[in-house]
C-alpha atoms as a PDB file:
ATOM      1  CA  UNK A   1     -11.879  26.742 -44.487  1.00  0.00           C
ATOM      2  CA  UNK A   2     -15.408  26.092 -43.236  1.00  0.00           C
ATOM      3  CA  UNK A   3     -16.498  22.823 -41.675  1.00  0.00           C
ATOM      4  CA  UNK A   4     -20.020  21.509 -41.303  1.00  0.00           C
ATOM      5  CA  UNK A   5     -21.750  19.168 -38.900  1.00  0.00           C
ATOM      6  CA  UNK A   6     -24.828  17.780 -40.574  1.00  0.00           C
ATOM      7  CA  UNK A   7     -27.792  15.539 -39.860  1.00  0.00           C
ATOM      8  CA  UNK A   8     -29.375  13.376 -42.536  1.00  0.00           C
ATOM      9  CA  UNK A   9     -32.676  11.558 -42.213  1.00  0.00           C
ATOM     10  CA  UNK A  10     -34.312   8.760 -44.164  1.00  0.00           C
ATOM     11  CA  UNK A  11     -37.732  10.400 -43.709  1.00  0.00           C
ATOM     12  CA  UNK A  12     -39.580  12.563 -41.205  1.00  0.00           C
ATOM     13  CA  UNK A  13     -38.781  11.313 -37.685  1.00  0.00           C
ATOM     14  CA  UNK A  14     -37.053   8.180 -39.002  1.00  0.00           C
ATOM     15  CA  UNK A  15     -33.427   7.048 -39.075  1.00  0.00           C
ATOM     16  CA  UNK A  16     -30.877   9.849 -38.623  1.00  0.00           C
ATOM     17  CA  UNK A  17     -27.157  10.078 -39.313  1.00  0.00           C
ATOM     18  CA  UNK A  18     -24.716  12.695 -38.036  1.00  0.00           C
ATOM     19  CA  UNK A  19     -21.516  13.535 -39.886  1.00  0.00           C
ATOM     20  CA  UNK A  20     -18.865  16.206 -40.413  1.00  0.00           C
ATOM     21  CA  UNK A  21     -17.393  17.538 -43.667  1.00  0.00           C
ATOM     22  CA  UNK A  22     -15.640  20.534 -45.197  1.00  0.00           C
ATOM     23  CA  UNK A  23     -17.676  20.305 -48.435  1.00  0.00           C
ATOM     24  CA  UNK A  24     -21.376  20.010 -47.595  1.00  0.00           C
ATOM     25  CA  UNK A  25     -22.553  20.051 -51.219  1.00  0.00           C
ATOM     26  CA  UNK A  26     -20.214  17.234 -52.273  1.00  0.00           C
ATOM     27  CA  UNK A  27     -20.936  15.147 -49.201  1.00  0.00           C
ATOM     28  CA  UNK A  28     -24.701  15.591 -49.533  1.00  0.00           C
ATOM     29  CA  UNK A  29     -24.439  14.546 -53.181  1.00  0.00           C
ATOM     30  CA  UNK A  30     -22.465  11.421 -52.221  1.00  0.00           C
ATOM     31  CA  UNK A  31     -25.131  10.454 -49.689  1.00  0.00           C
ATOM     32  CA  UNK A  32     -27.907  11.220 -52.186  1.00  0.00           C
ATOM     33  CA  UNK A  33     -26.275   8.990 -54.823  1.00  0.00           C
ATOM     34  CA  UNK A  34     -25.440   6.208 -52.309  1.00  0.00           C
ATOM     35  CA  UNK A  35     -21.862   6.545 -53.555  1.00  0.00           C
ATOM     36  CA  UNK A  36     -20.283   5.058 -50.432  1.00  0.00           C
ATOM     37  CA  UNK A  37     -21.179   1.756 -48.812  1.00  0.00           C
ATOM     38  CA  UNK A  38     -22.232   1.987 -45.207  1.00  0.00           C
ATOM     39  CA  UNK A  39     -24.973   3.085 -42.842  1.00  0.00           C
ATOM     40  CA  UNK A  40     -26.515   5.809 -44.989  1.00  0.00           C
ATOM     41  CA  UNK A  41     -26.678   3.611 -48.075  1.00  0.00           C
ATOM     42  CA  UNK A  42     -28.057   0.643 -46.140  1.00  0.00           C
ATOM     43  CA  UNK A  43     -30.833   2.692 -44.514  1.00  0.00           C
ATOM     44  CA  UNK A  44     -31.473   5.148 -47.407  1.00  0.00           C
ATOM     45  CA  UNK A  45     -30.545   8.143 -45.251  1.00  0.00           C
ATOM     46  CA  UNK A  46     -30.384  10.912 -47.873  1.00  0.00           C
ATOM     47  CA  UNK A  47     -32.343  13.955 -46.681  1.00  0.00           C
ATOM     48  CA  UNK A  48     -30.233  16.808 -45.272  1.00  0.00           C
ATOM     49  CA  UNK A  49     -32.385  18.123 -42.420  1.00  0.00           C
ATOM     50  CA  UNK A  50     -29.925  20.137 -40.306  1.00  0.00           C
ATOM     51  CA  UNK A  51     -26.437  21.569 -40.527  1.00  0.00           C
ATOM     52  CA  UNK A  52     -24.160  23.880 -38.581  1.00  0.00           C
ATOM     53  CA  UNK A  53     -21.105  25.796 -39.758  1.00  0.00           C
ATOM     54  CA  UNK A  54     -17.772  25.933 -37.861  1.00  0.00           C
ATOM     55  CA  UNK A  55     -14.469  27.691 -38.442  1.00  0.00           C
ATOM     56  CA  UNK A  56     -12.191  24.774 -37.580  1.00  0.00           C
ATOM     57  CA  UNK A  57     -12.215  21.011 -37.986  1.00  0.00           C
ATOM     58  CA  UNK A  58     -11.683  20.594 -34.238  1.00  0.00           C
ATOM     59  CA  UNK A  59     -14.817  22.613 -33.391  1.00  0.00           C
ATOM     60  CA  UNK A  60     -16.871  20.628 -35.901  1.00  0.00           C
ATOM     61  CA  UNK A  61     -15.620  17.267 -34.642  1.00  0.00           C
ATOM     62  CA  UNK A  62     -16.327  18.243 -31.032  1.00  0.00           C
ATOM     63  CA  UNK A  63     -19.871  19.282 -31.962  1.00  0.00           C
ATOM     64  CA  UNK A  64     -20.407  16.059 -33.933  1.00  0.00           C
ATOM     65  CA  UNK A  65     -19.358  13.993 -30.917  1.00  0.00           C
ATOM     66  CA  UNK A  66     -21.595  16.075 -28.655  1.00  0.00           C
ATOM     67  CA  UNK A  67     -24.616  15.529 -30.928  1.00  0.00           C
ATOM     68  CA  UNK A  68     -23.972  11.801 -31.183  1.00  0.00           C
ATOM     69  CA  UNK A  69     -24.036  11.514 -27.376  1.00  0.00           C
ATOM     70  CA  UNK A  70     -27.468  13.160 -27.156  1.00  0.00           C
ATOM     71  CA  UNK A  71     -30.715  11.267 -26.875  1.00  0.00           C
ATOM     72  CA  UNK A  72     -32.849  10.878 -29.982  1.00  0.00           C
ATOM     73  CA  UNK A  73     -35.622  13.170 -28.701  1.00  0.00           C
ATOM     74  CA  UNK A  74     -33.078  15.966 -28.202  1.00  0.00           C
ATOM     75  CA  UNK A  75     -31.865  15.518 -31.805  1.00  0.00           C
ATOM     76  CA  UNK A  76     -35.444  15.597 -33.102  1.00  0.00           C
ATOM     77  CA  UNK A  77     -36.070  18.849 -31.198  1.00  0.00           C
ATOM     78  CA  UNK A  78     -32.870  20.345 -32.656  1.00  0.00           C
ATOM     79  CA  UNK A  79     -33.981  19.506 -36.185  1.00  0.00           C
ATOM     80  CA  UNK A  80     -37.541  20.712 -35.663  1.00  0.00           C
ATOM     81  CA  UNK A  81     -36.461  24.018 -34.107  1.00  0.00           C
ATOM     82  CA  UNK A  82     -35.236  25.286 -37.500  1.00  0.00           C
ATOM     83  CA  UNK A  83     -36.807  22.760 -39.874  1.00  0.00           C
ATOM     84  CA  UNK A  84     -40.186  21.672 -38.430  1.00  0.00           C
ATOM     85  CA  UNK A  85     -41.267  19.936 -41.641  1.00  0.00           C
ATOM     86  CA  UNK A  86     -37.980  18.058 -42.067  1.00  0.00           C
ATOM     87  CA  UNK A  87     -37.508  19.599 -45.504  1.00  0.00           C
ATOM     88  CA  UNK A  88     -34.483  18.577 -47.542  1.00  0.00           C
ATOM     89  CA  UNK A  89     -31.963  21.423 -47.220  1.00  0.00           C
ATOM     90  CA  UNK A  90     -29.687  20.320 -50.042  1.00  0.00           C
ATOM     91  CA  UNK A  91     -29.355  23.358 -52.321  1.00  0.00           C
ATOM     92  CA  UNK A  92     -31.295  22.841 -55.527  1.00  0.00           C
ATOM     93  CA  UNK A  93     -33.660  20.292 -54.019  1.00  0.00           C
ATOM     94  CA  UNK A  94     -36.456  22.866 -53.671  1.00  0.00           C
ATOM     95  CA  UNK A  95     -36.662  26.292 -55.300  1.00  0.00           C
ATOM     96  CA  UNK A  96     -35.259  28.942 -52.980  1.00  0.00           C
ATOM     97  CA  UNK A  97     -34.123  26.483 -50.303  1.00  0.00           C
ATOM     98  CA  UNK A  98     -30.457  27.118 -49.570  1.00  0.00           C
ATOM     99  CA  UNK A  99     -30.431  27.737 -45.784  1.00  0.00           C
END
């Protein structure tokens, strides 16, 4: 089973959220629909701007914790390395955008 570490943003260079999941499409949809109360719903953090794939839950959780310990500017640089325009990477959001 694949596991994902993902970063959501409310807008370009605004509030970010880091999470881990085994079903990126479902989890992105839940964030997009504000289906679960909490941080992402409260701050309208819905744009998938970065994700990484891992083979085990342990690897993904370790990476999530590592990212959360980093400074904000480091996280911004990580996002902008592969997604300089902070485009929404949720499949189906933009034609041809599936990363």
